[in-house]
């Protein structure tokens, strides 16, 4: 089983600090009820925004469209249902069957 980042959807909007690849980041979570979309704003340890409002899309790594550099986390963060039963991220399944996983099983670059 992959490692997971817990997202408490009942506290949204909220933010927390997290260590990824030996660096501290801030993650701020939002939810747009009209579109049914969760978003994440990523900041560095000094609270400088690196990525604003990245949508959480099932099976797609967060920040994947951006060039990996020294500022972005060196691991892929992927919303997945490891049992294979889900195909989308929704309010009902986030934190229940779909989790934000760290691709720490050898597949991240």
N, C-alpha and C. Protein backbone atom coordinates (compact mmCIF):
# COMPACT_ATOMS: atom_id res chain seq x y z
N UNK A 1 0.84 -1.18 0.00
CA UNK A 1 0.00 0.00 0.00
C UNK A 1 0.89 1.25 0.00
N UNK A 2 0.48 2.25 -0.76
CA UNK A 2 1.21 3.51 -0.83
C UNK A 2 0.93 4.35 0.41
N UNK A 3 1.85 5.25 0.69
CA UNK A 3 1.62 6.22 1.76
C UNK A 3 0.53 7.19 1.31
N UNK A 4 -0.14 7.79 2.28
CA UNK A 4 -1.25 8.69 1.98
C UNK A 4 -1.08 10.01 2.70
N UNK A 5 -1.61 11.05 2.07
CA UNK A 5 -1.72 12.35 2.72
C UNK A 5 -3.19 12.52 3.08
N UNK A 6 -3.46 12.69 4.36
CA UNK A 6 -4.84 12.83 4.81
C UNK A 6 -5.36 14.23 4.48
N UNK A 7 -6.51 14.27 3.83
CA UNK A 7 -7.20 15.51 3.54
C UNK A 7 -8.54 15.45 4.27
N UNK A 8 -8.73 16.37 5.21
CA UNK A 8 -9.99 16.40 5.96
C UNK A 8 -10.95 17.34 5.24
N UNK A 9 -11.76 16.79 4.37
CA UNK A 9 -12.67 17.61 3.55
C UNK A 9 -13.66 18.40 4.39
N UNK A 10 -13.93 17.95 5.61
CA UNK A 10 -14.87 18.66 6.48
C UNK A 10 -14.29 19.95 7.07
N UNK A 11 -12.96 20.13 6.94
CA UNK A 11 -12.32 21.36 7.41
C UNK A 11 -12.07 22.35 6.28
N UNK A 12 -12.32 21.96 5.05
CA UNK A 12 -12.06 22.81 3.89
C UNK A 12 -12.91 24.07 3.97
N UNK A 13 -12.36 25.24 3.71
CA UNK A 13 -10.98 25.50 3.28
C UNK A 13 -10.03 25.48 4.48
N UNK A 14 -8.90 24.84 4.30
CA UNK A 14 -7.88 24.82 5.35
C UNK A 14 -6.52 24.56 4.74
N UNK A 15 -5.50 24.70 5.57
CA UNK A 15 -4.13 24.47 5.11
C UNK A 15 -3.33 23.76 6.19
N UNK A 16 -2.24 23.13 5.73
CA UNK A 16 -1.33 22.47 6.66
C UNK A 16 0.06 22.44 6.05
N UNK A 17 1.04 22.18 6.89
CA UNK A 17 2.43 22.03 6.47
C UNK A 17 2.74 20.54 6.38
N UNK A 18 3.61 20.20 5.41
CA UNK A 18 3.96 18.79 5.21
C UNK A 18 5.39 18.69 4.71
N UNK A 19 6.09 17.62 5.11
CA UNK A 19 7.43 17.34 4.61
C UNK A 19 7.32 16.37 3.44
N UNK A 20 7.89 16.76 2.30
CA UNK A 20 7.92 15.91 1.11
C UNK A 20 9.32 15.94 0.53
N UNK A 21 9.95 14.78 0.47
CA UNK A 21 11.30 14.72 -0.07
C UNK A 21 12.30 15.55 0.71
N UNK A 22 12.10 15.64 2.02
CA UNK A 22 13.03 16.37 2.87
C UNK A 22 12.84 17.88 2.89
N UNK A 23 11.78 18.37 2.25
CA UNK A 23 11.50 19.81 2.23
C UNK A 23 10.10 20.07 2.79
N UNK A 24 9.94 21.21 3.42
CA UNK A 24 8.64 21.58 3.99
C UNK A 24 7.84 22.37 2.96
N UNK A 25 6.56 22.00 2.84
CA UNK A 25 5.63 22.68 1.94
C UNK A 25 4.35 23.00 2.70
N UNK A 26 3.63 23.97 2.19
CA UNK A 26 2.29 24.26 2.68
C UNK A 26 1.29 23.83 1.62
N UNK A 27 0.21 23.22 2.05
CA UNK A 27 -0.86 22.83 1.14
C UNK A 27 -2.14 23.46 1.65
N UNK A 28 -2.80 24.23 0.77
CA UNK A 28 -4.09 24.83 1.10
C UNK A 28 -5.15 24.19 0.22
N UNK A 29 -6.20 23.68 0.83
CA UNK A 29 -7.25 22.94 0.13
C UNK A 29 -8.53 23.75 0.05
N UNK A 30 -9.15 23.71 -1.12
CA UNK A 30 -10.41 24.38 -1.38
C UNK A 30 -11.35 23.37 -2.06
N UNK A 31 -12.64 23.67 -2.04
CA UNK A 31 -13.62 22.86 -2.75
C UNK A 31 -14.62 23.80 -3.41
N UNK A 32 -14.88 23.57 -4.69
CA UNK A 32 -15.88 24.33 -5.43
C UNK A 32 -17.09 23.42 -5.60
N UNK A 33 -18.13 23.70 -4.84
CA UNK A 33 -19.33 22.85 -4.86
C UNK A 33 -20.03 22.89 -6.21
N UNK A 34 -19.98 24.02 -6.89
CA UNK A 34 -20.64 24.14 -8.18
C UNK A 34 -20.02 23.20 -9.21
N UNK A 35 -18.68 23.13 -9.25
CA UNK A 35 -18.02 22.26 -10.23
C UNK A 35 -17.69 20.89 -9.64
N UNK A 36 -17.80 20.75 -8.31
CA UNK A 36 -17.46 19.48 -7.67
C UNK A 36 -15.97 19.20 -7.69
N UNK A 37 -15.17 20.25 -7.62
CA UNK A 37 -13.71 20.11 -7.78
C UNK A 37 -12.96 20.55 -6.53
N UNK A 38 -12.03 19.71 -6.09
CA UNK A 38 -11.09 20.06 -5.04
C UNK A 38 -9.87 20.69 -5.70
N UNK A 39 -9.28 21.70 -5.05
CA UNK A 39 -8.05 22.30 -5.56
C UNK A 39 -7.03 22.43 -4.44
N UNK A 40 -5.77 22.47 -4.83
CA UNK A 40 -4.66 22.60 -3.89
C UNK A 40 -3.75 23.74 -4.32
N UNK A 41 -3.43 24.62 -3.38
CA UNK A 41 -2.42 25.64 -3.60
C UNK A 41 -1.19 25.21 -2.81
N UNK A 42 -0.05 25.13 -3.51
CA UNK A 42 1.20 24.67 -2.92
C UNK A 42 2.12 25.85 -2.66
N UNK A 43 2.67 25.91 -1.44
CA UNK A 43 3.60 26.97 -1.07
C UNK A 43 4.89 26.37 -0.54
N UNK A 44 5.97 27.15 -0.60
CA UNK A 44 7.23 26.70 -0.02
C UNK A 44 7.24 27.01 1.47
N UNK A 45 8.34 26.70 2.13
CA UNK A 45 8.43 26.88 3.58
C UNK A 45 8.30 28.34 4.00
N UNK A 46 8.61 29.26 3.09
CA UNK A 46 8.51 30.69 3.38
C UNK A 46 7.14 31.25 2.99
N UNK A 47 6.21 30.38 2.63
CA UNK A 47 4.83 30.73 2.27
C UNK A 47 4.71 31.44 0.92
N UNK A 48 5.72 31.25 0.07
CA UNK A 48 5.63 31.75 -1.30
C UNK A 48 4.84 30.74 -2.12
N UNK A 49 3.82 31.20 -2.82
CA UNK A 49 2.99 30.29 -3.61
C UNK A 49 3.78 29.78 -4.80
N UNK A 50 3.83 28.46 -4.93
CA UNK A 50 4.50 27.80 -6.05
C UNK A 50 3.50 27.43 -7.14
N UNK A 51 2.33 26.95 -6.72
CA UNK A 51 1.26 26.56 -7.64
C UNK A 51 -0.05 26.98 -7.00
N UNK A 52 -0.88 27.68 -7.78
CA UNK A 52 -2.15 28.16 -7.24
C UNK A 52 -3.32 27.38 -7.83
N UNK A 53 -4.16 26.82 -6.97
CA UNK A 53 -5.43 26.22 -7.38
C UNK A 53 -5.34 25.03 -8.32
N UNK A 54 -4.39 24.14 -8.08
CA UNK A 54 -4.25 22.93 -8.92
C UNK A 54 -5.42 21.99 -8.65
N UNK A 55 -6.20 21.61 -9.69
CA UNK A 55 -7.33 20.68 -9.48
C UNK A 55 -6.86 19.27 -9.14
N UNK A 56 -7.61 18.61 -8.29
CA UNK A 56 -7.35 17.23 -7.91
C UNK A 56 -8.11 16.35 -8.89
N UNK A 57 -7.40 15.71 -9.82
CA UNK A 57 -7.99 14.89 -10.87
C UNK A 57 -7.60 13.44 -10.65
N UNK A 58 -8.59 12.56 -10.61
CA UNK A 58 -8.35 11.15 -10.33
C UNK A 58 -7.28 10.57 -11.25
N UNK A 59 -6.29 9.89 -10.64
CA UNK A 59 -5.26 9.18 -11.39
C UNK A 59 -4.17 10.05 -11.98
N UNK A 60 -4.30 11.37 -11.87
CA UNK A 60 -3.30 12.28 -12.41
C UNK A 60 -2.49 12.91 -11.28
N UNK A 61 -1.17 12.83 -11.36
CA UNK A 61 -0.35 13.43 -10.31
C UNK A 61 -0.57 14.94 -10.22
N UNK A 62 -0.66 15.44 -9.00
CA UNK A 62 -0.71 16.89 -8.80
C UNK A 62 0.57 17.50 -9.35
N UNK A 63 0.45 18.65 -9.96
CA UNK A 63 1.58 19.44 -10.46
C UNK A 63 2.33 18.76 -11.60
N UNK A 64 1.74 17.72 -12.23
CA UNK A 64 2.42 16.96 -13.28
C UNK A 64 2.66 17.78 -14.54
N UNK A 65 1.80 18.77 -14.79
CA UNK A 65 1.95 19.58 -16.00
C UNK A 65 3.11 20.57 -15.88
N UNK A 66 3.65 20.70 -14.69
CA UNK A 66 4.74 21.65 -14.45
C UNK A 66 6.09 20.94 -14.52
N UNK A 67 7.08 21.65 -14.92
CA UNK A 67 8.43 21.10 -14.96
C UNK A 67 8.92 20.87 -13.55
N UNK A 68 9.38 19.65 -13.31
CA UNK A 68 9.94 19.35 -11.99
C UNK A 68 11.24 20.11 -11.84
N UNK A 69 11.32 20.86 -10.79
CA UNK A 69 12.52 21.62 -10.50
C UNK A 69 12.86 21.47 -9.05
N UNK A 70 13.68 22.35 -8.58
CA UNK A 70 14.09 22.26 -7.19
C UNK A 70 12.99 22.72 -6.24
N UNK A 71 11.96 23.43 -6.76
CA UNK A 71 10.91 23.95 -5.88
C UNK A 71 9.77 22.97 -5.66
N UNK A 72 9.44 22.15 -6.63
CA UNK A 72 8.29 21.25 -6.50
C UNK A 72 8.68 19.98 -5.76
N UNK A 73 7.71 19.34 -5.11
CA UNK A 73 8.00 18.08 -4.41
C UNK A 73 8.57 17.04 -5.37
N UNK A 74 9.56 16.28 -4.92
CA UNK A 74 10.21 15.28 -5.77
C UNK A 74 9.44 13.96 -5.89
N UNK A 75 8.26 13.89 -5.30
CA UNK A 75 7.44 12.68 -5.37
C UNK A 75 6.11 13.02 -6.02
N UNK A 76 5.51 12.04 -6.71
CA UNK A 76 4.20 12.24 -7.30
C UNK A 76 3.13 12.06 -6.23
N UNK A 77 2.16 12.96 -6.25
CA UNK A 77 1.01 12.91 -5.35
C UNK A 77 -0.20 12.63 -6.23
N UNK A 78 -0.78 11.42 -6.08
CA UNK A 78 -1.80 10.95 -7.01
C UNK A 78 -3.07 10.56 -6.27
N UNK A 79 -4.22 11.14 -6.63
CA UNK A 79 -5.48 10.71 -6.03
C UNK A 79 -5.91 9.36 -6.63
N UNK A 80 -5.99 8.35 -5.77
CA UNK A 80 -6.28 6.98 -6.23
C UNK A 80 -7.18 6.23 -5.27
N UNK A 81 -7.89 5.28 -5.83
CA UNK A 81 -8.58 4.23 -5.08
C UNK A 81 -7.80 2.97 -5.38
N UNK A 82 -7.00 2.52 -4.43
CA UNK A 82 -6.12 1.39 -4.69
C UNK A 82 -6.88 0.08 -4.90
N UNK A 83 -8.17 0.05 -4.57
CA UNK A 83 -8.96 -1.16 -4.85
C UNK A 83 -9.45 -1.15 -6.29
N UNK A 84 -9.35 0.01 -6.96
CA UNK A 84 -9.73 0.09 -8.37
C UNK A 84 -11.22 0.33 -8.60
N UNK A 85 -11.97 0.63 -7.57
CA UNK A 85 -13.41 0.79 -7.72
C UNK A 85 -13.89 2.16 -8.17
N UNK A 86 -13.05 3.19 -8.05
CA UNK A 86 -13.46 4.56 -8.38
C UNK A 86 -12.76 5.05 -9.64
N UNK A 87 -13.35 6.04 -10.27
CA UNK A 87 -12.74 6.63 -11.47
C UNK A 87 -12.71 8.15 -11.43
N UNK A 88 -13.20 8.74 -10.33
CA UNK A 88 -13.24 10.19 -10.20
C UNK A 88 -13.07 10.56 -8.73
N UNK A 89 -12.67 11.80 -8.49
CA UNK A 89 -12.60 12.34 -7.13
C UNK A 89 -13.90 13.11 -6.90
N UNK A 90 -14.63 12.71 -5.86
CA UNK A 90 -15.87 13.40 -5.52
C UNK A 90 -15.88 13.72 -4.03
N UNK A 91 -16.83 14.57 -3.64
CA UNK A 91 -16.97 14.87 -2.22
C UNK A 91 -17.24 13.59 -1.43
N UNK A 92 -18.06 12.71 -1.97
CA UNK A 92 -18.43 11.50 -1.25
C UNK A 92 -17.30 10.49 -1.10
N UNK A 93 -16.38 10.42 -2.08
CA UNK A 93 -15.37 9.37 -1.99
C UNK A 93 -14.00 9.83 -1.49
N UNK A 94 -13.71 11.14 -1.49
CA UNK A 94 -12.40 11.59 -1.00
C UNK A 94 -12.27 11.30 0.49
N UNK A 95 -11.23 10.59 0.85
CA UNK A 95 -11.00 10.20 2.24
C UNK A 95 -11.75 8.96 2.66
N UNK A 96 -12.60 8.44 1.76
CA UNK A 96 -13.34 7.20 2.04
C UNK A 96 -12.76 6.05 1.21
N UNK A 97 -12.75 6.20 -0.08
CA UNK A 97 -12.17 5.20 -0.99
C UNK A 97 -11.07 5.79 -1.86
N UNK A 98 -11.11 7.09 -2.09
CA UNK A 98 -10.06 7.78 -2.86
C UNK A 98 -9.19 8.57 -1.89
N UNK A 99 -7.88 8.37 -2.01
CA UNK A 99 -6.92 9.03 -1.13
C UNK A 99 -5.83 9.67 -1.96
N UNK A 100 -5.25 10.75 -1.44
CA UNK A 100 -4.08 11.36 -2.07
C UNK A 100 -2.88 10.52 -1.67
N UNK A 101 -2.36 9.76 -2.63
CA UNK A 101 -1.27 8.83 -2.35
C UNK A 101 0.06 9.41 -2.79
N UNK A 102 1.13 8.97 -2.14
CA UNK A 102 2.49 9.30 -2.54
C UNK A 102 2.99 8.13 -3.36
N UNK A 103 3.47 8.42 -4.54
CA UNK A 103 4.01 7.35 -5.39
C UNK A 103 5.40 7.01 -4.85
N UNK A 104 5.40 6.29 -3.71
CA UNK A 104 6.65 5.95 -3.03
C UNK A 104 6.96 4.45 -3.14
N UNK A 105 6.40 3.83 -4.19
CA UNK A 105 6.66 2.41 -4.41
C UNK A 105 7.66 2.21 -5.53
N UNK A 106 8.48 3.23 -5.80
CA UNK A 106 9.54 3.08 -6.80
C UNK A 106 9.22 3.63 -8.15
N UNK A 107 8.04 4.19 -8.36
CA UNK A 107 7.68 4.68 -9.69
C UNK A 107 7.90 6.16 -9.90
N UNK A 108 8.16 6.93 -8.85
CA UNK A 108 8.31 8.37 -9.00
C UNK A 108 9.68 8.71 -9.55
N UNK A 109 9.71 9.83 -10.28
CA UNK A 109 10.99 10.31 -10.79
C UNK A 109 11.32 11.65 -10.22
